[in-house]
Every structure is written in C-alpha cells, then in structure tokens.
Amino acid sequence: MSDKPTLVPAPQLAARNQAHVPGESPAYRAARNALLIEEIELRRHLERVAAQRRALPPAARYRRTSALLRRRARSGYRRCSVSTTR
C-alpha cells in the first residue's frame, strides 16, 4: 500500500463548498468554483515541488579561496568604500 494519502479530486472538493454569496448568480458560482479548483490544484503542485526540493541531495560545498579570489589578488583588486559625504 502506498504511503501517500488519496486526495479528493479538486472538482469534488469545490462542489462541497458551502460558502456562497447571498444573491449570487449561477454564472458567478460556476466561475468561483472554477477558480477554487485551480487554487486547489496550484497548492497541490506547490507541495509536490516543495517535496522535490526537500528530497534534493546535499549541494556541493565551495570554498571562498576559489580561482576568482586568486585572480583578484594577482590583479591588485582591492575593496574600497565610496562615501557620498564631503
């Protein structure tokens, strides 16, 4: 058996929605339900992406004493501060 919970399809969840605006038209309700379905699917997609990010292996470490810093040292590169006051 899978560890993943079975998710209720988004259209079925939207159909269960009991929050209605008084006097809303059927067209408005249909549009709101379509939007709700898209929002549910978006949240599910974001969670899948977050799970993929969490499952990434550790990234390679880099050291600050890289070739760039050595090139800067050879070129005479120096940090300087710029003051706007006179």
Protein backbone atom coordinates (compact mmCIF):
# COMPACT_ATOMS: atom_id res chain seq x y z
CA MET A 1 0.00 0.00 0.00
CA SER A 2 1.23 3.50 -0.79
CA ASP A 3 2.28 5.96 1.92
CA LYS A 4 0.62 8.80 0.01
CA PRO A 5 -2.85 9.76 1.17
CA THR A 6 -5.50 9.57 -1.52
CA LEU A 7 -6.51 13.12 -2.35
CA VAL A 8 -10.08 14.01 -3.13
CA PRO A 9 -10.27 15.38 -6.68
CA ALA A 10 -10.34 19.17 -6.79
CA PRO A 11 -13.73 19.38 -8.61
CA GLN A 12 -15.28 17.21 -5.92
CA LEU A 13 -13.87 19.45 -3.18
CA ALA A 14 -15.16 22.56 -4.94
CA ALA A 15 -18.62 21.01 -5.22
CA ARG A 16 -18.66 20.54 -1.42
CA ASN A 17 -18.05 24.26 -0.88
CA GLN A 18 -20.93 25.66 1.15
CA ALA A 19 -19.73 29.28 1.24
CA HIS A 20 -21.99 31.27 -1.05
CA VAL A 21 -22.56 34.98 -1.55
CA PRO A 22 -26.21 35.92 -0.98
CA GLY A 23 -27.92 36.53 -4.31
CA GLU A 24 -25.06 35.21 -6.43
CA SER A 25 -25.82 34.21 -9.99
CA PRO A 26 -25.20 30.70 -11.32
CA ALA A 27 -22.52 32.14 -13.62
CA TYR A 28 -20.74 33.70 -10.65
CA ARG A 29 -20.88 30.43 -8.69
CA ALA A 30 -19.53 28.48 -11.68
CA ALA A 31 -16.66 30.95 -12.08
CA ARG A 32 -15.87 30.86 -8.34
CA ASN A 33 -15.85 27.06 -8.35
CA ALA A 34 -13.56 27.00 -11.40
CA LEU A 35 -11.21 29.37 -9.59
CA LEU A 36 -11.35 27.23 -6.44
CA ILE A 37 -10.43 24.13 -8.46
CA GLU A 38 -7.41 25.93 -9.92
CA GLU A 39 -6.34 27.14 -6.47
CA ILE A 40 -6.56 23.61 -5.03
CA GLU A 41 -4.52 22.21 -7.90
CA LEU A 42 -1.96 25.01 -7.53
CA ARG A 43 -1.48 24.30 -3.82
CA ARG A 44 -1.04 20.60 -4.56
CA HIS A 45 1.50 21.40 -7.25
CA LEU A 46 3.42 23.70 -4.89
CA GLU A 47 3.53 20.92 -2.31
CA ARG A 48 4.89 18.46 -4.89
CA VAL A 49 7.61 20.97 -5.86
CA ALA A 50 8.48 21.57 -2.20
CA ALA A 51 8.75 17.80 -1.63
CA GLN A 52 11.13 17.55 -4.59
CA ARG A 53 13.22 20.39 -3.16
CA ARG A 54 13.36 18.70 0.25
CA ALA A 55 14.45 15.44 -1.41
CA LEU A 56 17.45 17.00 -3.16
CA PRO A 57 20.81 15.59 -2.10
CA PRO A 58 23.17 17.97 -0.32
CA ALA A 59 24.70 20.56 -2.61
CA ALA A 60 28.41 20.71 -3.29
CA ARG A 61 30.33 22.96 -0.96
CA TYR A 62 32.52 25.64 -2.38
CA ARG A 63 35.39 27.42 -0.80
CA ARG A 64 35.93 31.15 -0.78
CA THR A 65 39.57 30.63 -1.78
CA SER A 66 38.49 29.97 -5.32
CA ALA A 67 40.23 30.81 -8.55
CA LEU A 68 38.28 34.08 -8.64
CA LEU A 69 39.85 35.25 -5.38
CA ARG A 70 43.31 34.23 -6.59
CA ARG A 71 42.75 36.18 -9.82
CA ARG A 72 41.62 39.19 -7.82
CA ALA A 73 44.76 39.01 -5.70
CA ARG A 74 47.03 38.84 -8.78
CA SER A 75 45.22 41.75 -10.45
CA GLY A 76 45.63 44.06 -7.47
CA TYR A 77 41.86 44.15 -6.85
CA ARG A 78 41.01 45.88 -3.58
CA ARG A 79 37.73 46.63 -1.95
CA CYS A 80 37.11 50.26 -1.31
CA SER A 81 34.27 52.16 0.23
CA VAL A 82 32.66 55.07 -1.53
CA SER A 83 31.50 57.91 0.62
CA THR A 84 28.90 60.39 -0.57
CA THR A 85 29.64 62.89 2.19
CA ARG A 86 32.10 65.72 1.66
